[in-house]
Amino acid sequence: MDTEDDDNGAPDARGGSAAVIRDLNDAFRQTLIGGRCVVTAGVAALGEATVTQLLDTVRRYSEFTPDNDPYGEHDFGAFDHAGIRFFWKIEYFDRSLTFGSEDPADPARTTRVLTLMKAEEY
């Protein structure tokens, strides 16, 4: 498989451009359209109003750094809400949600799944 360089010159081992993957991830995360969004049992137990607030935080998330986003794909974030630490993560599956996507830069071959969880559930 050929690799392309991301914006920092590091190879993207998944075969797609990190910039393309980042743009697709940002579009999905900000709208929650074009993929699946799931919350863990611990998040769901907090109630609908809190889940709505948490998802709004995920949509607005912009605290990407080389430490938490080393590949520049904007596929992970962490934040605190009401004294609880939360993580969100975007993963890449094939269209049937059976296997990992062979090319996350190709939306025709990829279904994005965003999972929101309490850090303690990781």
Foldseek 3Di string as FASTA:
>chain_A
DDWDAEPVRDTDVLRDHLVLLQVVVLVCLQPVPLAAEEEDPVQVVVDDVSVVVVSNCSNPDDPDDCVQCVRNNSFKDWDDDPRFIKIKGKAWPAPVNPGGFSHSSDSNGTHIYIYIYTPVVD
